[in-house]
């Protein structure tokens, strides 16, 4: 996969975050990061064994991002890197 080495960066500073409404009964989150391509990483929680894992990773078209923003499925996300004094 073209962006597999970018997974830590996508997790630490996604551009968009959301929940997949089709994942009823599971703890999951979608993270989207803009590079040359828009990349979506789906992360799920295995409650029984107590760990998180990447369940999917693929490119996502700009139109899908816009529709998901409009529907409220995803939200823009920013990390404040300034330290509080």
C-alpha atoms as a PDB file:
ATOM      1  CA  UNK A   1       0.000   0.000   0.000  1.00  0.00           C
ATOM      2  CA  UNK A   2       1.241   3.381  -1.013  1.00  0.00           C
ATOM      3  CA  UNK A   3       0.579   5.155   2.301  1.00  0.00           C
ATOM      4  CA  UNK A   4       1.078   2.338   4.827  1.00  0.00           C
ATOM      5  CA  UNK A   5       4.081   4.092   6.384  1.00  0.00           C
ATOM      6  CA  UNK A   6       1.895   7.154   7.006  1.00  0.00           C
ATOM      7  CA  UNK A   7      -0.520   5.400   9.394  1.00  0.00           C
ATOM      8  CA  UNK A   8       1.114   6.915  12.536  1.00  0.00           C
ATOM      9  CA  UNK A   9       0.815  10.420  11.029  1.00  0.00           C
ATOM     10  CA  UNK A  10      -2.815   9.822  10.028  1.00  0.00           C
ATOM     11  CA  UNK A  11      -3.657   8.651  13.558  1.00  0.00           C
ATOM     12  CA  UNK A  12      -1.776  11.509  15.262  1.00  0.00           C
ATOM     13  CA  UNK A  13      -3.090  14.327  13.071  1.00  0.00           C
ATOM     14  CA  UNK A  14      -6.067  13.490  10.856  1.00  0.00           C
ATOM     15  CA  UNK A  15      -7.766  16.229   8.862  1.00  0.00           C
ATOM     16  CA  UNK A  16     -11.212  14.703   9.453  1.00  0.00           C
ATOM     17  CA  UNK A  17     -12.674  12.279  12.005  1.00  0.00           C
ATOM     18  CA  UNK A  18     -15.963  10.444  12.046  1.00  0.00           C
ATOM     19  CA  UNK A  19     -17.961   7.360  12.903  1.00  0.00           C
ATOM     20  CA  UNK A  20     -19.169   4.810  10.372  1.00  0.00           C
ATOM     21  CA  UNK A  21     -22.948   4.493  10.903  1.00  0.00           C
ATOM     22  CA  UNK A  22     -22.882   1.035   9.281  1.00  0.00           C
ATOM     23  CA  UNK A  23     -20.769  -0.354  12.137  1.00  0.00           C
ATOM     24  CA  UNK A  24     -23.595  -0.897  14.637  1.00  0.00           C
ATOM     25  CA  UNK A  25     -22.515  -2.560  17.843  1.00  0.00           C
ATOM     26  CA  UNK A  26     -18.797  -1.976  17.339  1.00  0.00           C
ATOM     27  CA  UNK A  27     -16.486   0.738  18.558  1.00  0.00           C
ATOM     28  CA  UNK A  28     -14.944   2.217  15.417  1.00  0.00           C
ATOM     29  CA  UNK A  29     -13.688   5.524  14.083  1.00  0.00           C
ATOM     30  CA  UNK A  30     -12.735   6.827  10.643  1.00  0.00           C
ATOM     31  CA  UNK A  31      -9.733   9.101  10.179  1.00  0.00           C
ATOM     32  CA  UNK A  32      -9.067  10.931   6.911  1.00  0.00           C
ATOM     33  CA  UNK A  33      -5.820  12.648   5.950  1.00  0.00           C
ATOM     34  CA  UNK A  34      -5.085  14.712   2.854  1.00  0.00           C
ATOM     35  CA  UNK A  35      -1.899  13.895   0.980  1.00  0.00           C
ATOM     36  CA  UNK A  36      -1.607  13.742  -2.809  1.00  0.00           C
ATOM     37  CA  UNK A  37      -4.531  11.321  -2.363  1.00  0.00           C
ATOM     38  CA  UNK A  38      -7.121  11.494   0.411  1.00  0.00           C
ATOM     39  CA  UNK A  39      -6.570   8.476   2.681  1.00  0.00           C
ATOM     40  CA  UNK A  40      -9.162   6.960   5.036  1.00  0.00           C
ATOM     41  CA  UNK A  41      -8.078   4.736   7.924  1.00  0.00           C
ATOM     42  CA  UNK A  42     -10.754   2.805   9.799  1.00  0.00           C
ATOM     43  CA  UNK A  43      -9.865   1.818  13.369  1.00  0.00           C
ATOM     44  CA  UNK A  44     -11.840  -0.613  15.522  1.00  0.00           C
ATOM     45  CA  UNK A  45     -11.678  -1.534  19.196  1.00  0.00           C
ATOM     46  CA  UNK A  46     -11.562  -5.210  20.128  1.00  0.00           C
ATOM     47  CA  UNK A  47     -13.195  -4.877  23.545  1.00  0.00           C
ATOM     48  CA  UNK A  48     -12.821  -8.548  24.413  1.00  0.00           C
ATOM     49  CA  UNK A  49      -9.049  -8.489  23.976  1.00  0.00           C
ATOM     50  CA  UNK A  50      -8.510  -4.803  24.796  1.00  0.00           C
ATOM     51  CA  UNK A  51      -6.725  -3.474  21.719  1.00  0.00           C
ATOM     52  CA  UNK A  52      -7.238  -1.200  18.711  1.00  0.00           C
ATOM     53  CA  UNK A  53      -6.538  -2.274  15.146  1.00  0.00           C
ATOM     54  CA  UNK A  54      -6.658  -0.812  11.644  1.00  0.00           C
ATOM     55  CA  UNK A  55      -9.633  -2.484   9.962  1.00  0.00           C
ATOM     56  CA  UNK A  56      -9.416  -0.687   6.607  1.00  0.00           C
ATOM     57  CA  UNK A  57      -7.235   1.763   4.710  1.00  0.00           C
ATOM     58  CA  UNK A  58      -8.028   3.171   1.282  1.00  0.00           C
ATOM     59  CA  UNK A  59      -8.198   6.324  -0.767  1.00  0.00           C
ATOM     60  CA  UNK A  60     -11.400   8.346  -0.626  1.00  0.00           C
ATOM     61  CA  UNK A  61     -12.636  10.739  -3.288  1.00  0.00           C
ATOM     62  CA  UNK A  62     -13.094  14.441  -2.629  1.00  0.00           C
ATOM     63  CA  UNK A  63     -16.815  14.148  -3.396  1.00  0.00           C
ATOM     64  CA  UNK A  64     -17.277  11.542  -0.664  1.00  0.00           C
ATOM     65  CA  UNK A  65     -15.481  13.761   1.834  1.00  0.00           C
ATOM     66  CA  UNK A  66     -17.778  16.666   0.938  1.00  0.00           C
ATOM     67  CA  UNK A  67     -20.921  14.514   1.253  1.00  0.00           C
ATOM     68  CA  UNK A  68     -19.774  13.146   4.614  1.00  0.00           C
ATOM     69  CA  UNK A  69     -19.026  16.666   5.871  1.00  0.00           C
ATOM     70  CA  UNK A  70     -22.462  17.855   4.730  1.00  0.00           C
ATOM     71  CA  UNK A  71     -24.252  14.907   6.378  1.00  0.00           C
ATOM     72  CA  UNK A  72     -22.285  15.273   9.617  1.00  0.00           C
ATOM     73  CA  UNK A  73     -20.719  11.820   9.342  1.00  0.00           C
ATOM     74  CA  UNK A  74     -17.250  13.398   9.578  1.00  0.00           C
ATOM     75  CA  UNK A  75     -15.982  16.635  11.109  1.00  0.00           C
ATOM     76  CA  UNK A  76     -12.876  18.704  10.476  1.00  0.00           C
ATOM     77  CA  UNK A  77     -10.207  18.033  13.068  1.00  0.00           C
ATOM     78  CA  UNK A  78      -7.179  20.038  14.142  1.00  0.00           C
ATOM     79  CA  UNK A  79      -4.567  19.395  16.784  1.00  0.00           C
ATOM     80  CA  UNK A  80      -3.413  22.346  18.859  1.00  0.00           C
ATOM     81  CA  UNK A  81       0.330  21.858  19.200  1.00  0.00           C
ATOM     82  CA  UNK A  82       0.882  24.937  21.377  1.00  0.00           C
ATOM     83  CA  UNK A  83       1.826  24.060  24.910  1.00  0.00           C
ATOM     84  CA  UNK A  84      -0.328  25.544  27.645  1.00  0.00           C
ATOM     85  CA  UNK A  85       1.611  27.844  29.947  1.00  0.00           C
END
